[in-house]
Amino acid sequence: MKICLAASGGGHLRQLARLKPFYEKHEAFLITQETPLGSALSEEIRTYFIPDIALGKMKRSPREWGTYLDNLSQSYKTLKDEKPDLILSTGAGLAFNTLWMGKYFKAKTLFIESIAHVYTPTATGKTVSKWATAYVVQWEELHNQYPDSVLACPIRTMGEKVSPSAEGGTFVTVGTHGPFPRLIDEVERLSKENKLPRPVVVQHPGNTPILHADLVVENCSSEDFEKHLKEASLVITHAGTGSIFSALEAERRVIAIARLAEHGEHYDDHQREILIKLSEMGAILGSDHVEDLESLIEASHSFEPITLQYDSNVIIEAIEGLTAGWFPKKG
């Protein structure tokens, strides 16, 4: 079986990479955007870098149509050359053209809804769910809205609390989606007033002045990202699943601030959904409002997050069960 893996950067690509025990058994290639994680994966798997598209912006931003057409052209050429049997995608917009064109190349399509979407589907998922060969969701709340979907939730609460080390500094990360000056301005204020554990390391791709951090980087390689996590006692992040789950796996205290569409920080408010869910589970501290950051830092000193286990095997087993019926073993 030849598999086309397709995903935008950030949490979408990170989740796709977790499915390696499945796709490494087959011939596979990757379609994604050029990010540090994408570049790292390109050393392991044949990779095509194409432009990402934000479907939610297309009505408001005519310029997005140029990116869309560029994505469409490159997606078509890749599928024509590769001719996959299966298109496996975790979203978001970058994979949309690859998914709908798959049927013209007689490929099965399996779409895994973003784990960040607890209560509502992504724009890609909402459309793809109508015609994909299989639509997999990761939360029961969303499965209840789409009863024809396949539910595969990889998150398990272990019933135990973690007591993270108080030694270490602060790692602030906003991921690869773009600048987040609303959060960075508040981090700069708190850093100036020495209200953050030192050293303060900030990953931020924007031009917002950050004068009082100890280290500022635009992007991190996978290795540097893990290094900064290990050296921190507190992680402050946007509510992106890649950043949050990486910090939780490192057993760090996590404060997440959701990007909001009203401030132009994202094309919708899906970051609120995962923030609410994980906060209710007792895994993180979080808010929509940067004004709450100082009080959340105070609360973090005594916060003992609930232990979560992310088990990719739950999704892999669902994929294997589905594809076994589509591509029965010969002989």
Protein backbone atom coordinates (compact mmCIF):
# COMPACT_ATOMS: atom_id res chain seq x y z
CA MET A 1 0.00 0.00 0.00
CA LYS A 2 1.28 3.44 -0.91
CA ILE A 3 0.30 6.16 1.56
CA CYS A 4 0.16 9.91 1.10
CA LEU A 5 0.51 11.64 4.47
CA ALA A 6 -0.78 15.23 4.41
CA ALA A 7 -0.85 17.83 7.16
CA SER A 8 -0.24 21.48 7.96
CA GLY A 9 2.53 22.28 10.44
CA GLY A 10 2.30 22.50 14.21
CA GLY A 11 0.01 20.11 16.08
CA HIS A 12 -1.42 18.66 12.86
CA LEU A 13 1.97 17.45 11.70
CA ARG A 14 3.08 16.40 15.18
CA GLN A 15 0.05 14.13 15.49
CA LEU A 16 0.65 12.67 12.05
CA ALA A 17 4.24 11.89 13.03
CA ARG A 18 2.93 9.90 16.00
CA LEU A 19 1.37 7.46 13.52
CA LYS A 20 4.79 6.29 12.33
CA PRO A 21 4.28 2.71 13.67
CA PHE A 22 1.50 2.42 11.08
CA TYR A 23 2.85 4.18 8.03
CA GLU A 24 6.44 2.91 8.32
CA LYS A 25 5.12 -0.56 7.43
CA HIS A 26 4.18 0.74 3.98
CA GLU A 27 5.59 2.92 1.23
CA ALA A 28 4.79 6.47 2.31
CA PHE A 29 5.48 10.08 1.37
CA LEU A 30 4.62 13.34 3.11
CA ILE A 31 2.98 16.58 1.94
CA THR A 32 3.40 19.41 4.45
CA GLN A 33 4.65 22.97 4.89
CA GLU A 34 8.27 23.83 5.58
CA THR A 35 8.60 24.08 9.37
CA PRO A 36 11.34 22.83 11.73
CA LEU A 37 9.38 19.62 12.34
CA GLY A 38 8.65 19.23 8.64
CA SER A 39 12.34 19.60 7.83
CA ALA A 40 13.24 17.03 10.50
CA LEU A 41 10.74 14.54 9.10
CA SER A 42 12.01 15.10 5.57
CA GLU A 43 15.21 13.34 6.63
CA GLU A 44 13.17 10.21 7.37
CA ILE A 45 10.52 10.22 4.66
CA ARG A 46 10.18 11.54 1.09
CA THR A 47 8.63 14.99 1.56
CA TYR A 48 6.95 17.62 -0.62
CA PHE A 49 6.78 21.12 0.85
CA ILE A 50 3.79 23.14 -0.37
CA PRO A 51 2.04 26.33 0.85
CA ASP A 52 -0.42 26.12 3.73
CA ILE A 53 -3.88 27.65 3.25
CA ALA A 54 -6.31 28.98 5.86
CA LEU A 55 -9.78 28.07 4.62
CA GLY A 56 -11.35 30.29 7.25
CA LYS A 57 -9.62 33.35 5.76
CA MET A 58 -10.62 32.85 2.14
CA LYS A 59 -13.79 34.95 2.27
CA ARG A 60 -12.02 37.80 4.06
CA SER A 61 -8.69 37.78 2.30
CA PRO A 62 -8.58 37.72 -1.53
CA ARG A 63 -4.83 37.14 -1.33
CA GLU A 64 -5.47 33.72 0.15
CA TRP A 65 -6.84 32.60 -3.23
CA GLY A 66 -3.38 32.94 -4.75
CA THR A 67 -2.00 30.64 -2.08
CA TYR A 68 -4.91 28.29 -2.62
CA LEU A 69 -4.20 27.99 -6.35
CA ASP A 70 -0.51 27.43 -5.70
CA ASN A 71 -1.40 24.70 -3.21
CA LEU A 72 -3.87 23.20 -5.70
CA SER A 73 -1.30 23.03 -8.48
CA GLN A 74 1.40 21.45 -6.34
CA SER A 75 -1.01 19.00 -4.71
CA TYR A 76 -2.26 17.84 -8.12
CA LYS A 77 1.25 17.35 -9.50
CA THR A 78 2.32 15.36 -6.45
CA LEU A 79 -0.71 13.05 -6.57
CA LYS A 80 -0.33 12.58 -10.32
CA ASP A 81 3.31 11.58 -9.93
CA GLU A 82 2.91 9.43 -6.82
CA LYS A 83 -0.55 7.82 -7.33
CA PRO A 84 -1.15 6.77 -3.68
CA ASP A 85 -3.64 4.11 -2.58
CA LEU A 86 -4.49 5.94 0.65
CA ILE A 87 -4.47 9.59 1.69
CA LEU A 88 -4.09 9.89 5.46
CA SER A 89 -4.47 13.39 6.85
CA THR A 90 -4.74 15.16 10.19
CA GLY A 91 -5.66 18.49 8.52
CA ALA A 92 -5.84 21.39 8.25
CA GLY A 93 -6.10 23.65 5.18
CA LEU A 94 -2.90 22.50 3.51
CA ALA A 95 -4.38 19.02 3.04
CA PHE A 96 -7.79 20.09 1.69
CA ASN A 97 -6.94 19.96 -2.01
CA THR A 98 -5.01 16.73 -1.60
CA LEU A 99 -8.02 15.12 0.07
CA TRP A 100 -10.72 16.09 -2.43
CA MET A 101 -8.54 15.33 -5.43
CA GLY A 102 -7.79 11.90 -4.03
CA LYS A 103 -10.99 10.42 -5.39
CA TYR A 104 -9.97 11.36 -8.95
CA PHE A 105 -6.84 9.31 -8.45
CA LYS A 106 -8.95 6.48 -6.98
CA ALA A 107 -7.35 6.80 -3.53
CA LYS A 108 -9.13 6.06 -0.27
CA THR A 109 -9.25 9.07 2.07
CA LEU A 110 -8.98 8.85 5.85
CA PHE A 111 -9.26 12.14 7.70
CA ILE A 112 -8.40 12.42 11.38
CA GLU A 113 -10.00 15.47 12.95
CA SER A 114 -7.73 17.75 14.94
CA ILE A 115 -7.46 16.90 18.62
CA ALA A 116 -7.81 20.64 19.27
CA HIS A 117 -11.42 20.50 18.08
CA VAL A 118 -13.44 19.12 20.96
CA TYR A 119 -16.90 20.54 20.26
CA THR A 120 -16.82 21.76 16.64
CA PRO A 121 -15.14 20.41 13.49
CA THR A 122 -12.42 22.17 11.56
CA ALA A 123 -13.46 23.84 8.30
CA THR A 124 -11.60 21.07 6.50
CA GLY A 125 -13.19 18.33 8.59
CA LYS A 126 -16.70 19.71 8.20
CA THR A 127 -16.40 19.49 4.42
CA VAL A 128 -14.37 16.29 4.21
CA SER A 129 -16.70 14.40 6.56
CA LYS A 130 -19.37 14.43 3.83
CA TRP A 131 -17.36 12.38 1.35
CA ALA A 132 -14.21 10.97 2.96
CA THR A 133 -13.93 7.20 3.06
CA ALA A 134 -13.63 7.53 6.85
CA TYR A 135 -13.85 10.46 9.25
CA VAL A 136 -12.12 9.88 12.61
CA VAL A 137 -12.75 12.16 15.60
CA GLN A 138 -10.90 12.20 18.91
CA TRP A 139 -13.49 13.46 21.40
CA GLU A 140 -16.86 12.04 22.33
CA GLU A 141 -18.45 15.49 22.24
CA LEU A 142 -17.70 15.78 18.52
CA HIS A 143 -18.59 12.14 17.83
CA ASN A 144 -22.07 12.84 19.21
CA GLN A 145 -22.51 15.50 16.50
CA TYR A 146 -21.18 13.18 13.79
CA PRO A 147 -22.51 9.70 14.66
CA ASP A 148 -21.18 8.27 11.40
CA SER A 149 -17.65 9.19 12.43
CA VAL A 150 -15.19 6.78 14.02
CA LEU A 151 -14.31 7.70 17.61
CA ALA A 152 -10.68 7.14 18.65
CA CYS A 153 -9.66 9.19 21.70
CA PRO A 154 -5.96 8.79 22.52
CA ILE A 155 -6.14 10.74 25.80
CA ARG A 156 -6.33 8.87 29.09
CA THR A 157 -6.34 10.36 32.58
CA MET A 158 -4.18 8.25 34.87
CA GLY A 159 -5.78 9.44 38.12
CA GLU A 160 -2.44 10.66 39.43
CA LYS A 161 -1.02 14.12 39.90
CA VAL A 162 2.44 15.25 38.89
CA SER A 163 4.61 17.36 41.13
CA PRO A 164 6.89 19.02 38.57
CA SER A 165 10.29 20.25 39.64
CA ALA A 166 10.36 23.84 40.85
CA GLU A 167 13.91 24.17 39.55
CA GLY A 168 14.32 25.71 36.15
CA GLY A 169 13.29 28.74 34.18
CA THR A 170 10.43 29.75 31.92
CA PHE A 171 9.98 28.62 28.34
CA VAL A 172 7.55 30.73 26.30
CA THR A 173 6.54 29.30 22.95
CA VAL A 174 3.95 30.43 20.40
CA GLY A 175 4.52 27.67 17.83
CA THR A 176 4.67 28.10 14.07
CA HIS A 177 1.28 29.66 13.28
CA GLY A 178 2.60 33.20 13.46
CA PRO A 179 3.24 36.11 15.85
CA PHE A 180 1.31 36.42 19.11
CA PRO A 181 2.18 39.95 20.32
CA ARG A 182 -0.73 40.09 22.78
CA LEU A 183 0.89 37.32 24.80
CA ILE A 184 4.47 38.44 24.21
CA ASP A 185 3.77 41.99 25.44
CA GLU A 186 2.55 40.59 28.76
CA VAL A 187 5.49 38.19 29.00
CA GLU A 188 7.84 41.12 28.43
CA ARG A 189 6.16 43.10 31.24
CA LEU A 190 6.33 40.21 33.69
CA SER A 191 9.90 39.42 32.72
CA LYS A 192 10.91 43.05 33.28
CA GLU A 193 9.32 42.91 36.75
CA ASN A 194 11.09 39.60 37.51
CA LYS A 195 7.82 37.74 37.98
CA LEU A 196 8.89 34.78 35.84
CA PRO A 197 11.32 32.02 36.82
CA ARG A 198 14.76 32.67 35.29
CA PRO A 199 16.15 32.17 32.77
CA VAL A 200 13.33 33.25 30.44
CA VAL A 201 13.54 31.72 26.95
CA VAL A 202 11.08 33.04 24.35
CA GLN A 203 10.28 31.47 20.96
CA HIS A 204 8.38 34.01 18.89
CA PRO A 205 8.45 34.64 15.11
CA GLY A 206 7.23 38.24 15.24
CA ASN A 207 8.87 41.66 15.53
CA THR A 208 7.52 42.48 19.02
CA PRO A 209 10.43 43.84 21.11
CA ILE A 210 11.50 41.41 23.84
CA LEU A 211 14.18 43.18 25.84
CA HIS A 212 14.03 41.43 29.19
CA ALA A 213 14.15 37.77 28.23
CA ASP A 214 17.41 35.87 28.55
CA LEU A 215 17.14 34.27 25.11
CA VAL A 216 14.86 35.00 22.15
CA VAL A 217 14.58 32.72 19.10
CA GLU A 218 12.30 32.93 16.09
CA ASN A 219 11.94 29.18 15.63
CA CYS A 220 13.28 26.06 17.32
CA SER A 221 14.57 22.83 15.90
CA SER A 222 12.99 19.74 17.44
CA GLU A 223 16.17 19.18 19.46
CA ASP A 224 16.30 22.75 20.78
CA PHE A 225 12.59 22.66 21.61
CA GLU A 226 13.09 19.56 23.76
CA LYS A 227 16.14 21.13 25.39
CA HIS A 228 14.23 24.27 26.37
CA LEU A 229 11.41 22.14 27.81
CA LYS A 230 13.81 20.13 29.96
CA GLU A 231 15.44 23.28 31.32
CA ALA A 232 12.12 24.95 32.26
CA SER A 233 9.93 24.53 35.32
CA LEU A 234 7.12 26.56 33.72
CA VAL A 235 5.90 26.58 30.11
CA ILE A 236 3.79 29.46 28.85
CA THR A 237 2.29 28.80 25.44
CA HIS A 238 -0.45 29.55 22.99
CA ALA A 239 -3.16 26.89 23.20
CA GLY A 240 -1.68 24.84 20.37
CA THR A 241 -1.87 21.09 20.86
CA GLY A 242 1.68 20.43 19.72
CA SER A 243 3.17 22.77 22.32
CA ILE A 244 0.78 21.76 25.10
CA PHE A 245 1.15 18.00 24.77
CA SER A 246 4.92 18.22 24.37
CA ALA A 247 5.12 20.18 27.63
CA LEU A 248 2.77 17.77 29.43
CA GLU A 249 4.84 14.78 28.30
CA ALA A 250 7.89 16.55 29.74
CA GLU A 251 5.93 16.86 33.03
CA ARG A 252 6.06 20.62 33.11
CA ARG A 253 3.51 23.03 34.53
CA VAL A 254 1.68 24.55 31.59
CA ILE A 255 -0.12 27.87 31.23
CA ALA A 256 -1.91 28.27 27.90
CA ILE A 257 -3.39 31.46 26.45
CA ALA A 258 -5.77 30.96 23.52
CA ARG A 259 -5.28 32.81 20.26
CA LEU A 260 -8.52 34.60 19.37
CA ALA A 261 -10.01 35.35 15.97
CA GLU A 262 -11.23 38.78 17.13
CA HIS A 263 -7.59 39.86 17.47
CA GLY A 264 -6.58 38.33 14.14
CA GLU A 265 -4.47 35.71 15.93
CA HIS A 266 -6.18 32.75 14.27
CA TYR A 267 -8.91 32.15 11.73
CA ASP A 268 -11.30 30.76 14.39
CA ASP A 269 -11.45 30.17 18.15
CA HIS A 270 -10.68 26.46 18.23
CA GLN A 271 -7.84 27.05 20.71
CA ARG A 272 -10.49 27.87 23.27
CA GLU A 273 -11.90 24.37 22.90
CA ILE A 274 -8.78 22.41 23.83
CA LEU A 275 -7.93 24.97 26.52
CA ILE A 276 -11.34 24.50 28.16
CA LYS A 277 -11.17 20.70 27.89
CA LEU A 278 -7.68 20.29 29.31
CA SER A 279 -8.32 22.87 32.03
CA GLU A 280 -11.47 21.00 33.09
CA MET A 281 -9.44 17.78 33.20
CA GLY A 282 -6.95 19.48 35.53
CA ALA A 283 -3.99 19.08 33.16
CA ILE A 284 -3.19 22.76 32.49
CA LEU A 285 -3.96 26.30 33.60
CA GLY A 286 -5.30 28.63 30.96
CA SER A 287 -7.35 31.60 29.85
CA ASP A 288 -8.48 33.63 26.83
CA HIS A 289 -7.19 36.79 28.47
CA VAL A 290 -3.52 37.71 28.81
CA GLU A 291 -4.51 39.91 31.75
CA ASP A 292 -4.94 36.65 33.70
CA LEU A 293 -1.37 35.53 33.09
CA GLU A 294 0.11 37.02 36.25
CA SER A 295 -2.50 35.39 38.50
CA LEU A 296 -2.08 32.09 36.63
CA ILE A 297 1.67 32.22 37.30
CA GLU A 298 0.93 32.66 41.00
CA ALA A 299 -1.48 29.72 40.90
CA SER A 300 1.08 27.58 39.07
CA HIS A 301 3.40 27.54 42.10
CA SER A 302 1.07 25.11 43.88
CA PHE A 303 -0.53 23.55 40.80
CA GLU A 304 -0.19 19.78 40.50
CA PRO A 305 -1.45 18.79 37.05
CA ILE A 306 -3.31 15.55 36.50
CA THR A 307 -1.30 12.97 34.60
CA LEU A 308 -2.44 12.43 31.03
CA GLN A 309 -1.32 9.62 28.78
CA TYR A 310 -1.38 10.15 25.05
CA ASP A 311 -1.72 6.73 23.44
CA SER A 312 -1.30 6.88 19.66
CA ASN A 313 -2.02 3.15 19.49
CA VAL A 314 -5.73 3.93 19.91
CA ILE A 315 -5.75 5.80 16.61
CA ILE A 316 -3.37 3.38 14.91
CA GLU A 317 -5.64 0.46 15.79
CA ALA A 318 -8.63 2.34 14.35
CA ILE A 319 -6.71 3.04 11.13
CA GLU A 320 -5.56 -0.56 10.81
CA GLY A 321 -9.10 -1.81 11.35
CA LEU A 322 -10.48 0.49 8.67
CA THR A 323 -7.78 -0.07 6.06
CA ALA A 324 -7.87 -3.85 6.53
CA GLY A 325 -11.33 -3.75 5.00
CA TRP A 326 -10.24 -1.46 2.15
CA PHE A 327 -6.99 -3.20 1.30
CA PRO A 328 -7.29 -6.88 2.25
CA LYS A 329 -4.01 -8.73 2.39
CA LYS A 330 -3.27 -10.76 -0.71
CA GLY A 331 -2.89 -14.49 -0.42
